Amino acid sequence: MSVVISNSSPLIALASIERLDLLKRIWGEILIPDGVYEEVIVKGEGKKGADAIKDACNDWIKRSSVNNKSVVEVLQYSLDRGEAEVIALGQEKRASLLIIDNREPRGFAKSINMKVIGTIGVIKLAWQKGYITKPIKAIEQILINGFWIDERLINQLYKDMKE
């Protein structure tokens, strides 16, 4: 079974447009480290999408603690706790995929040969699998909800859709 680990922002972005289900449909189960749980469920209580993520944590999103705390401490010199824990947990669990949006942790994960996808990649994959019919509309909704997405990623999705 493949192990997929998510950071906070993809969960929040997808929950904000009521499409958290895409993760379940594509991978079945997602792991999140304690730092992501704290950020999304505890600190995010009452925010848009938090209840949906909390409900999913009682079902198909599984919380998992990082064993190697020293790796997290080192990574936290340049990454936030959730990002550091996603990468450390990914190493421990030999994850097949990390779902991370921010450039710095993505770059670091790739530099140690970990496969990474972001929210746009999840939406593209969901579109390719037929789980959504209007990926650009989903991205527009995410933008309306206050998320920043690199314009180059949106343009690449447009290009991919035309091919």
Protein backbone atom coordinates (compact mmCIF):
# COMPACT_ATOMS: atom_id res chain seq x y z
CA MET A 1 0.00 0.00 0.00
CA SER A 2 1.27 3.45 -0.85
CA VAL A 3 1.79 5.94 1.94
CA VAL A 4 0.68 9.51 1.20
CA ILE A 5 1.37 12.30 3.70
CA SER A 6 -0.18 15.77 3.55
CA ASN A 7 0.78 19.14 4.88
CA SER A 8 -1.81 21.65 6.13
CA SER A 9 -2.38 23.93 3.15
CA PRO A 10 -3.63 21.29 0.67
CA LEU A 11 -6.10 20.03 3.29
CA ILE A 12 -7.31 23.54 4.06
CA ALA A 13 -7.53 24.58 0.40
CA LEU A 14 -9.53 21.51 -0.62
CA ALA A 15 -11.77 21.68 2.45
CA SER A 16 -12.45 25.38 1.74
CA ILE A 17 -14.08 24.41 -1.56
CA GLU A 18 -15.75 21.32 -0.09
CA ARG A 19 -13.57 18.94 -2.12
CA LEU A 20 -11.53 17.25 0.61
CA ASP A 21 -13.09 14.04 -0.74
CA LEU A 22 -10.73 14.18 -3.71
CA LEU A 23 -7.88 13.01 -1.50
CA LYS A 24 -9.90 10.05 -0.28
CA ARG A 25 -11.06 9.17 -3.78
CA ILE A 26 -7.53 9.25 -5.20
CA TRP A 27 -5.55 7.63 -2.37
CA GLY A 28 -8.05 6.16 0.10
CA GLU A 29 -6.05 7.13 3.17
CA ILE A 30 -3.81 10.10 3.99
CA LEU A 31 -1.39 10.44 6.89
CA ILE A 32 -0.76 13.70 8.71
CA PRO A 33 1.85 14.33 11.39
CA ASP A 34 1.00 15.83 14.78
CA GLY A 35 2.15 19.32 13.71
CA VAL A 36 -0.31 19.36 10.82
CA TYR A 37 -3.10 18.09 13.08
CA GLU A 38 -2.36 20.85 15.62
CA GLU A 39 -2.33 23.55 12.93
CA VAL A 40 -5.48 22.45 11.12
CA ILE A 41 -7.69 21.02 13.87
CA VAL A 42 -6.59 22.70 17.11
CA LYS A 43 -5.45 26.16 15.94
CA GLY A 44 -7.84 26.11 12.99
CA GLU A 45 -10.93 25.41 15.06
CA GLY A 46 -13.88 27.43 13.78
CA LYS A 47 -12.19 28.28 10.46
CA LYS A 48 -13.70 27.34 7.12
CA GLY A 49 -13.16 23.65 6.36
CA ALA A 50 -11.82 22.75 9.82
CA ASP A 51 -14.86 20.66 10.73
CA ALA A 52 -14.66 18.68 7.49
CA ILE A 53 -10.98 17.93 8.14
CA LYS A 54 -11.73 16.99 11.74
CA ASP A 55 -14.45 14.60 10.58
CA ALA A 56 -12.07 13.07 8.05
CA CYS A 57 -9.51 12.59 10.85
CA ASN A 58 -12.03 10.26 12.47
CA ASP A 59 -12.20 8.23 9.27
CA TRP A 60 -9.63 8.24 6.43
CA ILE A 61 -7.09 10.89 7.48
CA LYS A 62 -4.80 9.19 9.98
CA ARG A 63 -2.62 11.03 12.49
CA SER A 64 0.91 9.71 12.90
CA SER A 65 3.72 10.87 15.18
CA VAL A 66 7.27 11.39 13.99
CA ASN A 67 9.76 9.22 15.86
CA ASN A 68 12.95 11.03 14.88
CA LYS A 69 12.46 14.38 16.60
CA SER A 70 16.05 15.47 15.90
CA VAL A 71 15.34 15.49 12.13
CA VAL A 72 12.32 17.72 12.76
CA GLU A 73 14.41 20.07 14.92
CA VAL A 74 17.03 20.44 12.18
CA LEU A 75 14.42 20.98 9.46
CA GLN A 76 12.67 23.63 11.57
CA TYR A 77 15.63 25.95 11.05
CA SER A 78 14.17 26.65 7.60
CA LEU A 79 10.68 25.09 7.59
CA ASP A 80 7.65 25.35 9.85
CA ARG A 81 6.78 22.48 12.19
CA GLY A 82 4.17 20.89 9.93
CA GLU A 83 6.41 20.95 6.86
CA ALA A 84 9.35 19.55 8.84
CA GLU A 85 7.20 16.76 10.27
CA VAL A 86 5.72 15.89 6.86
CA ILE A 87 9.23 15.39 5.45
CA ALA A 88 10.52 13.51 8.52
CA LEU A 89 7.45 11.26 8.61
CA GLY A 90 7.79 10.73 4.88
CA GLN A 91 11.31 9.42 5.42
CA GLU A 92 10.27 7.20 8.32
CA LYS A 93 7.27 5.71 6.53
CA ARG A 94 9.03 5.55 3.14
CA ALA A 95 6.14 7.57 1.74
CA SER A 96 5.35 7.25 -1.92
CA LEU A 97 4.10 10.84 -2.04
CA LEU A 98 4.08 14.07 -0.02
CA ILE A 99 1.36 16.66 -0.60
CA ILE A 100 2.98 20.05 0.03
CA ASP A 101 2.31 23.44 -1.54
CA ASN A 102 5.14 25.70 -0.34
CA ARG A 103 8.23 25.96 -2.52
CA GLU A 104 10.94 25.54 0.16
CA PRO A 105 9.75 22.24 1.66
CA ARG A 106 8.92 20.91 -1.83
CA GLY A 107 12.43 21.69 -3.01
CA PHE A 108 13.98 20.09 0.04
CA ALA A 109 11.84 16.96 -0.28
CA LYS A 110 12.75 16.63 -3.96
CA SER A 111 16.43 17.08 -3.12
CA ILE A 112 16.25 13.92 -1.00
CA ASN A 113 14.39 12.03 -3.74
CA MET A 114 10.89 12.25 -2.32
CA LYS A 115 7.97 12.58 -4.71
CA VAL A 116 5.89 15.72 -4.15
CA ILE A 117 2.57 17.04 -5.40
CA GLY A 118 0.64 20.17 -4.44
CA THR A 119 -2.99 21.24 -4.40
CA ILE A 120 -2.92 22.06 -8.12
CA GLY A 121 -1.47 18.63 -8.81
CA VAL A 122 -4.22 17.00 -6.76
CA ILE A 123 -6.87 18.90 -8.72
CA LYS A 124 -5.21 17.97 -12.02
CA LEU A 125 -5.05 14.30 -11.01
CA ALA A 126 -8.69 14.38 -9.90
CA TRP A 127 -9.64 15.88 -13.26
CA GLN A 128 -7.63 13.23 -15.15
CA LYS A 129 -9.41 10.51 -13.16
CA GLY A 130 -12.80 12.07 -13.86
CA TYR A 131 -13.54 13.08 -10.25
CA ILE A 132 -13.98 16.72 -11.22
CA THR A 133 -15.03 18.20 -14.55
CA LYS A 134 -13.98 21.84 -14.06
CA PRO A 135 -10.52 22.04 -12.49
CA ILE A 136 -10.08 25.72 -13.33
CA LYS A 137 -13.31 26.54 -11.49
CA ALA A 138 -11.99 24.66 -8.43
CA ILE A 139 -8.77 26.69 -8.57
CA GLU A 140 -10.71 29.94 -8.94
CA GLN A 141 -12.71 29.04 -5.83
CA ILE A 142 -9.50 28.37 -3.91
CA LEU A 143 -8.17 31.79 -4.99
CA ILE A 144 -11.43 33.46 -3.95
CA ASN A 145 -10.99 31.85 -0.51
CA GLY A 146 -7.73 33.75 -0.10
CA PHE A 147 -5.13 31.17 -1.10
CA TRP A 148 -2.20 32.23 -3.24
CA ILE A 149 -1.31 30.04 -6.19
CA ASP A 150 1.65 30.67 -8.48
CA GLU A 151 0.32 31.86 -11.83
CA ARG A 152 2.80 29.58 -13.62
CA LEU A 153 1.09 26.54 -12.08
CA ILE A 154 -2.32 27.72 -13.24
CA ASN A 155 -0.97 28.37 -16.74
CA GLN A 156 0.59 24.91 -16.81
CA LEU A 157 -2.77 23.38 -15.88
CA TYR A 158 -4.46 25.30 -18.72
CA LYS A 159 -1.79 23.98 -21.09
CA ASP A 160 -2.15 20.40 -19.83
CA MET A 161 -5.93 20.55 -20.22
CA LYS A 162 -5.61 21.55 -23.88
CA GLU A 163 -3.34 18.59 -24.72
